[in-house]
Protein backbone atom coordinates (compact mmCIF):
# COMPACT_ATOMS: atom_id res chain seq x y z
CA MET A 1 -23.70 -15.02 -8.67
CA THR A 2 -20.95 -12.47 -8.66
CA THR A 3 -20.24 -10.01 -6.00
CA THR A 4 -18.00 -7.28 -5.94
CA THR A 5 -16.54 -5.43 -2.92
CA LYS A 6 -16.26 -1.73 -3.00
CA PRO A 7 -13.96 -0.08 -0.40
CA ASP A 8 -15.90 2.58 1.62
CA THR A 9 -13.61 5.25 1.10
CA PHE A 10 -15.36 7.50 3.94
CA THR A 11 -14.50 4.97 6.43
CA TRP A 12 -11.02 4.55 5.77
CA THR A 13 -10.59 8.23 5.51
CA VAL A 14 -12.04 8.59 9.09
CA ILE A 15 -9.83 5.80 10.31
CA THR A 16 -6.89 7.46 8.99
CA ALA A 17 -7.90 10.96 10.24
CA LEU A 18 -8.51 9.42 13.77
CA PHE A 19 -4.85 7.81 13.64
CA ILE A 20 -2.98 10.76 12.63
CA GLY A 21 -4.98 13.10 14.99
CA MET A 22 -4.44 11.00 17.82
CA GLY A 23 -0.68 10.58 16.91
CA THR A 24 -0.27 14.22 16.46
CA THR A 25 -2.02 15.03 19.89
CA PHE A 26 0.38 12.59 21.67
CA LEU A 27 3.41 14.08 20.22
CA LEU A 28 2.57 17.53 20.80
CA PHE A 29 1.53 16.87 24.57
CA SER A 30 4.81 14.90 25.13
CA LEU A 31 6.79 17.43 23.55
CA ILE A 32 5.11 20.30 25.45
CA TYR A 33 5.67 18.69 28.77
CA ALA A 34 9.36 17.77 27.95
CA ARG A 35 11.69 19.32 30.57
CA ASP A 36 14.72 19.89 28.25
CA PHE A 37 16.11 18.75 24.85
CA ALA A 38 18.08 15.93 26.55
CA ASP A 39 14.64 14.42 27.67
CA ILE A 40 13.61 14.29 24.13
CA LEU A 41 16.79 12.71 23.10
CA SER A 42 16.52 9.87 25.54
CA THR A 43 13.48 8.54 24.24
CA PRO A 44 14.70 5.77 22.16
CA GLU A 45 16.91 4.56 25.14
CA VAL A 46 13.86 4.58 27.65
CA LEU A 47 11.52 2.74 25.30
CA TRP A 48 14.30 0.08 24.66
CA ASN A 49 14.64 -0.27 28.32
CA ALA A 50 10.85 -0.66 28.76
CA VAL A 51 10.91 -3.20 25.84
CA CYS A 52 13.73 -5.27 27.75
CA GLY A 53 11.87 -5.18 30.94
CA ARG A 54 14.32 -3.28 32.92
CA GLN A 55 12.85 -1.61 35.99
CA MET A 56 12.20 2.38 35.54
CA PRO A 57 10.25 4.80 37.70
CA ALA A 58 6.81 5.18 36.31
CA ASN A 59 7.19 9.05 35.72
CA GLU A 60 10.30 8.46 33.69
CA LEU A 61 8.47 6.12 31.25
CA LEU A 62 5.36 8.11 30.55
CA MET A 63 6.44 10.75 28.03
CA PRO A 64 8.73 8.70 25.97
CA LEU A 65 6.02 6.18 25.74
CA LEU A 66 3.44 8.98 24.62
CA ARG A 67 6.13 10.06 21.91
CA GLY A 68 6.52 6.31 20.68
CA LEU A 69 2.80 5.75 20.45
CA GLY A 70 2.20 9.06 18.96
CA THR A 71 4.86 8.32 16.18
CA ALA A 72 3.51 4.65 15.77
CA ALA A 73 -0.10 6.17 15.43
CA ILE A 74 0.89 8.71 12.82
CA GLY A 75 2.77 5.93 10.73
CA LEU A 76 -0.26 3.60 10.97
CA GLY A 77 -2.34 6.33 9.81
CA LEU A 78 -0.10 7.06 6.92
CA ALA A 79 0.01 3.40 6.02
CA VAL A 80 -3.76 2.88 6.06
CA GLN A 81 -4.01 5.96 3.77
CA TRP A 82 -1.22 4.57 1.46
CA LEU A 83 -2.87 0.96 1.47
CA LYS A 84 -6.38 2.53 0.67
CA ASN A 85 -5.15 4.50 -2.39
CA ARG A 86 -3.30 1.46 -3.47
CA VAL A 87 -6.36 -0.86 -3.39
CA LEU A 88 -8.36 1.97 -5.12
CA SER A 89 -5.90 2.51 -7.94
CA TYR A 90 -5.74 -1.43 -8.39
CA LYS A 91 -9.46 -1.60 -8.61
CA LEU A 92 -9.75 1.14 -11.23
CA MET A 93 -7.03 -0.34 -13.36
CA THR A 94 -8.67 -3.85 -13.14
CA SER A 95 -12.05 -2.76 -13.95
């Protein structure tokens, strides 16, 4: 008995849309509430300090964290979309 697995494209499309939508929302809200351009440019430094465990005020960490999570969510959504397309094209080539 042979079973074949068919990727559910609708489910993966919804997952991709949710990741990209969530990431875009995070990025837009964090950029809207940014006080100035220097605040946006300090995002990598603040995130690195958080990863290293250095003490910072909580209000200083929120917006850079939203920017980082937004960027990661958009990247994850794009990776899921690329992977879905790659799996589907492989399935079509082998069948």
